[in-house]
Amino acid sequence: MDRLNRLNTRLLAETRRRRPSRERIFQFDTRFHRSYVEAGAGPRLLALHDAIKPQAERYSRLYVDTLFDQISLSVDEHRVIADALEKGDCDLAQNSVRINWRNAAHRLSGVIGRTGELGSW
């Protein structure tokens, strides 16, 4: 829990810097999600995650680059995930992760809809 909260705090702090690093934001977000996956997944599920995650990385990077002003929404959603995990509420944690990913996908699909899959980004 300390790791999740620390990463989320660092993610928010980085967005508030005068010259935030998109790479650091990407890394904090990636580490946040990786932390709970590692804690909850068995070896087979972790292997599947590791096989699929690189395919999604370009979208994660696109999210950080084009939706920088909305990262605080992700931080708030991360806080809900961490709180649910800390309470031991597995159903709420699972639903909160699902909401975070769906919301991010929805926000990102707007960018892709406006610029196209191979947009100017």
N, C-alpha and C. Protein backbone atom coordinates (compact mmCIF):
# COMPACT_ATOMS: atom_id res chain seq x y z
N MET A 1 0.82 -1.19 0.00
CA MET A 1 0.00 0.00 0.00
C MET A 1 0.87 1.25 0.00
N ASP A 2 1.95 1.18 0.76
CA ASP A 2 2.84 2.34 0.78
C ASP A 2 3.38 2.64 -0.61
N ARG A 3 3.74 1.59 -1.33
CA ARG A 3 4.27 1.78 -2.69
C ARG A 3 3.23 2.41 -3.60
N LEU A 4 2.00 1.91 -3.56
CA LEU A 4 0.94 2.48 -4.41
C LEU A 4 0.72 3.95 -4.09
N ASN A 5 0.60 4.25 -2.83
CA ASN A 5 0.35 5.64 -2.43
C ASN A 5 1.53 6.54 -2.77
N ARG A 6 2.75 6.05 -2.56
CA ARG A 6 3.94 6.83 -2.88
C ARG A 6 4.02 7.12 -4.38
N LEU A 7 3.77 6.10 -5.20
CA LEU A 7 3.82 6.29 -6.65
C LEU A 7 2.75 7.26 -7.12
N ASN A 8 1.57 7.15 -6.56
CA ASN A 8 0.48 8.04 -6.96
C ASN A 8 0.77 9.48 -6.53
N THR A 9 1.34 9.65 -5.35
CA THR A 9 1.73 10.98 -4.88
C THR A 9 2.80 11.57 -5.77
N ARG A 10 3.78 10.76 -6.16
CA ARG A 10 4.85 11.23 -7.04
C ARG A 10 4.30 11.57 -8.42
N LEU A 11 3.34 10.78 -8.89
CA LEU A 11 2.70 11.06 -10.18
C LEU A 11 2.04 12.44 -10.15
N LEU A 12 1.26 12.69 -9.12
CA LEU A 12 0.60 13.98 -9.01
C LEU A 12 1.61 15.11 -8.88
N ALA A 13 2.62 14.91 -8.05
CA ALA A 13 3.64 15.95 -7.87
C ALA A 13 4.35 16.28 -9.18
N GLU A 14 4.61 15.26 -9.97
CA GLU A 14 5.30 15.50 -11.25
C GLU A 14 4.42 16.34 -12.19
N THR A 15 3.12 16.10 -12.17
CA THR A 15 2.23 16.88 -13.05
C THR A 15 2.19 18.35 -12.64
N ARG A 16 2.50 18.63 -11.38
CA ARG A 16 2.42 20.00 -10.87
C ARG A 16 3.75 20.76 -10.97
N ARG A 17 4.78 20.08 -11.41
CA ARG A 17 6.07 20.76 -11.58
C ARG A 17 5.99 21.80 -12.68
N ARG A 18 6.82 22.78 -12.60
CA ARG A 18 6.83 23.82 -13.62
C ARG A 18 7.16 23.25 -14.99
N ARG A 19 8.07 22.28 -15.02
CA ARG A 19 8.43 21.61 -16.28
C ARG A 19 8.33 20.11 -16.06
N PRO A 20 7.12 19.59 -16.07
CA PRO A 20 6.95 18.15 -15.80
C PRO A 20 7.56 17.28 -16.90
N SER A 21 8.04 16.14 -16.47
CA SER A 21 8.60 15.17 -17.40
C SER A 21 7.54 14.17 -17.79
N ARG A 22 7.21 14.12 -19.06
CA ARG A 22 6.23 13.14 -19.55
C ARG A 22 6.73 11.71 -19.30
N GLU A 23 8.03 11.51 -19.43
CA GLU A 23 8.60 10.17 -19.21
C GLU A 23 8.43 9.75 -17.75
N ARG A 24 8.68 10.65 -16.83
CA ARG A 24 8.50 10.31 -15.40
C ARG A 24 7.03 10.03 -15.10
N ILE A 25 6.14 10.80 -15.68
CA ILE A 25 4.71 10.57 -15.49
C ILE A 25 4.34 9.18 -16.00
N PHE A 26 4.81 8.85 -17.19
CA PHE A 26 4.55 7.53 -17.75
C PHE A 26 5.09 6.44 -16.82
N GLN A 27 6.31 6.62 -16.32
CA GLN A 27 6.92 5.61 -15.44
C GLN A 27 6.15 5.46 -14.13
N PHE A 28 5.76 6.56 -13.50
CA PHE A 28 5.01 6.47 -12.24
C PHE A 28 3.67 5.75 -12.45
N ASP A 29 2.99 6.10 -13.54
CA ASP A 29 1.71 5.46 -13.83
C ASP A 29 1.90 3.97 -14.10
N THR A 30 2.89 3.63 -14.90
CA THR A 30 3.17 2.23 -15.22
C THR A 30 3.52 1.45 -13.96
N ARG A 31 4.36 2.02 -13.12
CA ARG A 31 4.74 1.34 -11.87
C ARG A 31 3.56 1.17 -10.93
N PHE A 32 2.67 2.17 -10.89
CA PHE A 32 1.48 2.05 -10.05
C PHE A 32 0.69 0.81 -10.45
N HIS A 33 0.37 0.71 -11.72
CA HIS A 33 -0.44 -0.42 -12.19
C HIS A 33 0.32 -1.74 -12.05
N ARG A 34 1.60 -1.72 -12.35
CA ARG A 34 2.40 -2.95 -12.26
C ARG A 34 2.45 -3.46 -10.81
N SER A 35 2.45 -2.56 -9.85
CA SER A 35 2.54 -2.95 -8.44
C SER A 35 1.37 -3.82 -8.01
N TYR A 36 0.16 -3.42 -8.37
CA TYR A 36 -0.97 -4.25 -7.92
C TYR A 36 -1.12 -5.50 -8.78
N VAL A 37 -0.67 -5.44 -10.03
CA VAL A 37 -0.70 -6.65 -10.85
C VAL A 37 0.26 -7.69 -10.26
N GLU A 38 1.47 -7.27 -9.92
CA GLU A 38 2.43 -8.19 -9.34
C GLU A 38 1.94 -8.76 -8.01
N ALA A 39 1.28 -7.93 -7.22
CA ALA A 39 0.81 -8.37 -5.91
C ALA A 39 -0.34 -9.38 -6.02
N GLY A 40 -1.15 -9.26 -7.07
CA GLY A 40 -2.34 -10.09 -7.14
C GLY A 40 -2.32 -11.20 -8.17
N ALA A 41 -1.40 -11.15 -9.09
CA ALA A 41 -1.40 -12.13 -10.19
C ALA A 41 -0.46 -13.29 -9.87
N GLY A 42 -0.87 -14.46 -10.30
CA GLY A 42 0.01 -15.61 -10.24
C GLY A 42 0.96 -15.57 -11.42
N PRO A 43 1.88 -16.53 -11.49
CA PRO A 43 2.89 -16.50 -12.54
C PRO A 43 2.32 -16.57 -13.97
N ARG A 44 1.27 -17.35 -14.18
CA ARG A 44 0.71 -17.45 -15.53
C ARG A 44 0.03 -16.16 -15.95
N LEU A 45 -0.75 -15.57 -15.06
CA LEU A 45 -1.42 -14.31 -15.38
C LEU A 45 -0.39 -13.19 -15.57
N LEU A 46 0.64 -13.18 -14.75
CA LEU A 46 1.69 -12.18 -14.90
C LEU A 46 2.41 -12.34 -16.24
N ALA A 47 2.62 -13.56 -16.68
CA ALA A 47 3.25 -13.80 -17.98
C ALA A 47 2.36 -13.28 -19.11
N LEU A 48 1.05 -13.49 -19.00
CA LEU A 48 0.12 -12.95 -20.01
C LEU A 48 0.15 -11.42 -20.02
N HIS A 49 0.15 -10.86 -18.84
CA HIS A 49 0.21 -9.40 -18.71
C HIS A 49 1.49 -8.87 -19.36
N ASP A 50 2.60 -9.53 -19.09
CA ASP A 50 3.88 -9.11 -19.66
C ASP A 50 3.90 -9.24 -21.18
N ALA A 51 3.16 -10.19 -21.71
CA ALA A 51 3.11 -10.38 -23.16
C ALA A 51 2.25 -9.30 -23.83
N ILE A 52 1.21 -8.87 -23.16
CA ILE A 52 0.27 -7.91 -23.75
C ILE A 52 0.67 -6.46 -23.49
N LYS A 53 1.24 -6.18 -22.35
CA LYS A 53 1.53 -4.80 -21.95
C LYS A 53 2.35 -4.03 -22.99
N PRO A 54 3.39 -4.60 -23.58
CA PRO A 54 4.14 -3.83 -24.59
C PRO A 54 3.29 -3.38 -25.78
N GLN A 55 2.26 -4.14 -26.10
CA GLN A 55 1.38 -3.77 -27.21
C GLN A 55 0.56 -2.52 -26.88
N ALA A 56 0.30 -2.32 -25.60
CA ALA A 56 -0.51 -1.18 -25.16
C ALA A 56 0.32 0.03 -24.80
N GLU A 57 1.63 -0.13 -24.75
CA GLU A 57 2.49 0.97 -24.27
C GLU A 57 2.34 2.23 -25.10
N ARG A 58 2.24 2.09 -26.41
CA ARG A 58 2.12 3.30 -27.22
C ARG A 58 0.88 4.11 -26.86
N TYR A 59 -0.19 3.43 -26.46
CA TYR A 59 -1.40 4.14 -26.07
C TYR A 59 -1.23 4.81 -24.70
N SER A 60 -0.51 4.15 -23.82
CA SER A 60 -0.22 4.77 -22.53
C SER A 60 0.62 6.03 -22.71
N ARG A 61 1.59 5.94 -23.59
CA ARG A 61 2.44 7.11 -23.86
C ARG A 61 1.64 8.21 -24.56
N LEU A 62 0.78 7.84 -25.47
CA LEU A 62 -0.08 8.80 -26.14
C LEU A 62 -0.99 9.50 -25.13
N TYR A 63 -1.52 8.73 -24.19
CA TYR A 63 -2.37 9.30 -23.14
C TYR A 63 -1.62 10.38 -22.38
N VAL A 64 -0.41 10.06 -21.94
CA VAL A 64 0.38 11.03 -21.17
C VAL A 64 0.68 12.26 -22.02
N ASP A 65 1.02 12.06 -23.27
CA ASP A 65 1.40 13.18 -24.13
C ASP A 65 0.22 14.07 -24.52
N THR A 66 -0.90 13.48 -24.84
CA THR A 66 -2.01 14.28 -25.38
C THR A 66 -3.06 14.65 -24.34
N LEU A 67 -3.10 13.93 -23.25
CA LEU A 67 -4.11 14.20 -22.22
C LEU A 67 -3.46 14.60 -20.90
N PHE A 68 -2.32 15.25 -21.01
CA PHE A 68 -1.56 15.64 -19.83
C PHE A 68 -2.43 16.39 -18.83
N ASP A 69 -3.28 17.26 -19.32
CA ASP A 69 -4.12 18.07 -18.44
C ASP A 69 -5.18 17.26 -17.70
N GLN A 70 -5.33 15.98 -18.06
CA GLN A 70 -6.33 15.14 -17.40
C GLN A 70 -5.71 14.05 -16.51
N ILE A 71 -4.40 14.10 -16.32
CA ILE A 71 -3.72 13.10 -15.49
C ILE A 71 -4.28 13.11 -14.08
N SER A 72 -4.69 14.27 -13.59
CA SER A 72 -5.23 14.33 -12.22
C SER A 72 -6.48 13.46 -12.07
N LEU A 73 -7.22 13.26 -13.16
CA LEU A 73 -8.37 12.34 -13.10
C LEU A 73 -7.90 10.92 -12.84
N SER A 74 -6.81 10.53 -13.49
CA SER A 74 -6.23 9.20 -13.25
C SER A 74 -5.73 9.09 -11.83
N VAL A 75 -5.10 10.14 -11.32
CA VAL A 75 -4.60 10.13 -9.94
C VAL A 75 -5.76 9.90 -8.97
N ASP A 76 -6.86 10.59 -9.18
CA ASP A 76 -8.04 10.39 -8.32
C ASP A 76 -8.55 8.95 -8.42
N GLU A 77 -8.59 8.40 -9.62
CA GLU A 77 -9.03 7.01 -9.81
C GLU A 77 -8.05 6.04 -9.15
N HIS A 78 -6.77 6.35 -9.22
CA HIS A 78 -5.76 5.51 -8.54
C HIS A 78 -5.98 5.51 -7.03
N ARG A 79 -6.34 6.66 -6.49
CA ARG A 79 -6.58 6.78 -5.05
C ARG A 79 -7.73 5.85 -4.63
N VAL A 80 -8.77 5.77 -5.44
CA VAL A 80 -9.89 4.89 -5.15
C VAL A 80 -9.44 3.43 -5.18
N ILE A 81 -8.60 3.08 -6.15
CA ILE A 81 -8.07 1.71 -6.24
C ILE A 81 -7.27 1.39 -4.98
N ALA A 82 -6.35 2.27 -4.61
CA ALA A 82 -5.51 2.04 -3.43
C ALA A 82 -6.35 1.94 -2.16
N ASP A 83 -7.34 2.80 -2.02
CA ASP A 83 -8.21 2.75 -0.83
C ASP A 83 -8.96 1.42 -0.75
N ALA A 84 -9.46 0.96 -1.87
CA ALA A 84 -10.19 -0.32 -1.90
C ALA A 84 -9.27 -1.47 -1.53
N LEU A 85 -8.05 -1.45 -2.05
CA LEU A 85 -7.10 -2.51 -1.72
C LEU A 85 -6.74 -2.47 -0.24
N GLU A 86 -6.55 -1.27 0.28
CA GLU A 86 -6.20 -1.14 1.69
C GLU A 86 -7.31 -1.65 2.60
N LYS A 87 -8.55 -1.45 2.19
CA LYS A 87 -9.70 -1.95 2.95
C LYS A 87 -9.90 -3.45 2.78
N GLY A 88 -9.22 -4.03 1.79
CA GLY A 88 -9.40 -5.45 1.51
C GLY A 88 -10.68 -5.75 0.75
N ASP A 89 -11.23 -4.74 0.12
CA ASP A 89 -12.47 -4.90 -0.63
C ASP A 89 -12.13 -5.26 -2.08
N CYS A 90 -12.03 -6.56 -2.33
CA CYS A 90 -11.60 -7.05 -3.65
C CYS A 90 -12.56 -6.64 -4.75
N ASP A 91 -13.85 -6.70 -4.50
CA ASP A 91 -14.82 -6.33 -5.53
C ASP A 91 -14.70 -4.85 -5.91
N LEU A 92 -14.58 -4.01 -4.89
CA LEU A 92 -14.43 -2.58 -5.16
C LEU A 92 -13.11 -2.30 -5.87
N ALA A 93 -12.05 -2.98 -5.47
CA ALA A 93 -10.75 -2.79 -6.11
C ALA A 93 -10.83 -3.18 -7.59
N GLN A 94 -11.41 -4.34 -7.86
CA GLN A 94 -11.54 -4.80 -9.24
C GLN A 94 -12.38 -3.82 -10.06
N ASN A 95 -13.48 -3.40 -9.51
CA ASN A 95 -14.34 -2.45 -10.22
C ASN A 95 -13.63 -1.11 -10.43
N SER A 96 -12.86 -0.68 -9.44
CA SER A 96 -12.15 0.59 -9.55
C SER A 96 -11.08 0.53 -10.63
N VAL A 97 -10.39 -0.59 -10.73
CA VAL A 97 -9.40 -0.77 -11.81
C VAL A 97 -10.11 -0.74 -13.15
N ARG A 98 -11.21 -1.44 -13.23
CA ARG A 98 -11.98 -1.47 -14.48
C ARG A 98 -12.43 -0.05 -14.87
N ILE A 99 -12.92 0.71 -13.92
CA ILE A 99 -13.36 2.07 -14.19
C ILE A 99 -12.18 2.93 -14.65
N ASN A 100 -11.03 2.81 -14.00
CA ASN A 100 -9.85 3.57 -14.38
C ASN A 100 -9.45 3.28 -15.82
N TRP A 101 -9.39 2.01 -16.18
CA TRP A 101 -9.00 1.65 -17.55
C TRP A 101 -10.05 2.07 -18.56
N ARG A 102 -11.31 1.89 -18.22
CA ARG A 102 -12.37 2.31 -19.16
C ARG A 102 -12.39 3.82 -19.35
N ASN A 103 -12.24 4.55 -18.26
CA ASN A 103 -12.22 6.01 -18.38
C ASN A 103 -11.03 6.48 -19.21
N ALA A 104 -9.87 5.88 -18.97
CA ALA A 104 -8.68 6.25 -19.74
C ALA A 104 -8.90 5.92 -21.22
N ALA A 105 -9.48 4.77 -21.48
CA ALA A 105 -9.74 4.38 -22.88
C ALA A 105 -10.73 5.35 -23.52
N HIS A 106 -11.73 5.75 -22.77
CA HIS A 106 -12.72 6.70 -23.29
C HIS A 106 -12.07 8.05 -23.60
N ARG A 107 -11.25 8.54 -22.66
CA ARG A 107 -10.58 9.81 -22.88
C ARG A 107 -9.65 9.72 -24.09
N LEU A 108 -8.93 8.62 -24.19
CA LEU A 108 -7.98 8.44 -25.28
C LEU A 108 -8.68 8.23 -26.62
N SER A 109 -9.82 7.56 -26.60
CA SER A 109 -10.53 7.34 -27.87
C SER A 109 -10.97 8.66 -28.48
N GLY A 110 -11.23 9.66 -27.65
CA GLY A 110 -11.56 10.99 -28.18
C GLY A 110 -10.40 11.57 -28.96
N VAL A 111 -9.19 11.40 -28.44
CA VAL A 111 -7.99 11.89 -29.14
C VAL A 111 -7.82 11.15 -30.45
N ILE A 112 -7.93 9.84 -30.42
CA ILE A 112 -7.76 9.04 -31.63
C ILE A 112 -8.86 9.36 -32.63
N GLY A 113 -10.07 9.60 -32.14
CA GLY A 113 -11.17 9.97 -33.03
C GLY A 113 -10.92 11.29 -33.75
N ARG A 114 -10.27 12.22 -33.05
CA ARG A 114 -9.99 13.52 -33.66
C ARG A 114 -8.76 13.49 -34.57
N THR A 115 -7.75 12.71 -34.21
CA THR A 115 -6.49 12.75 -34.95
C THR A 115 -6.23 11.53 -35.80
N GLY A 116 -7.01 10.48 -35.57
CA GLY A 116 -6.80 9.23 -36.29
C GLY A 116 -5.79 8.36 -35.59
N GLU A 117 -5.79 7.11 -35.93
CA GLU A 117 -4.89 6.12 -35.31
C GLU A 117 -3.43 6.51 -35.49
N LEU A 118 -3.10 7.09 -36.62
CA LEU A 118 -1.73 7.48 -36.90
C LEU A 118 -1.58 9.00 -36.84
N GLY A 119 -2.39 9.64 -36.00
CA GLY A 119 -2.45 11.09 -35.92
C GLY A 119 -1.11 11.80 -35.93
N SER A 120 -1.14 13.07 -35.80
CA SER A 120 0.06 13.89 -35.87
C SER A 120 0.89 13.80 -34.61
N TRP A 121 0.46 13.05 -33.65
CA TRP A 121 1.22 12.90 -32.41
C TRP A 121 2.38 11.99 -32.65
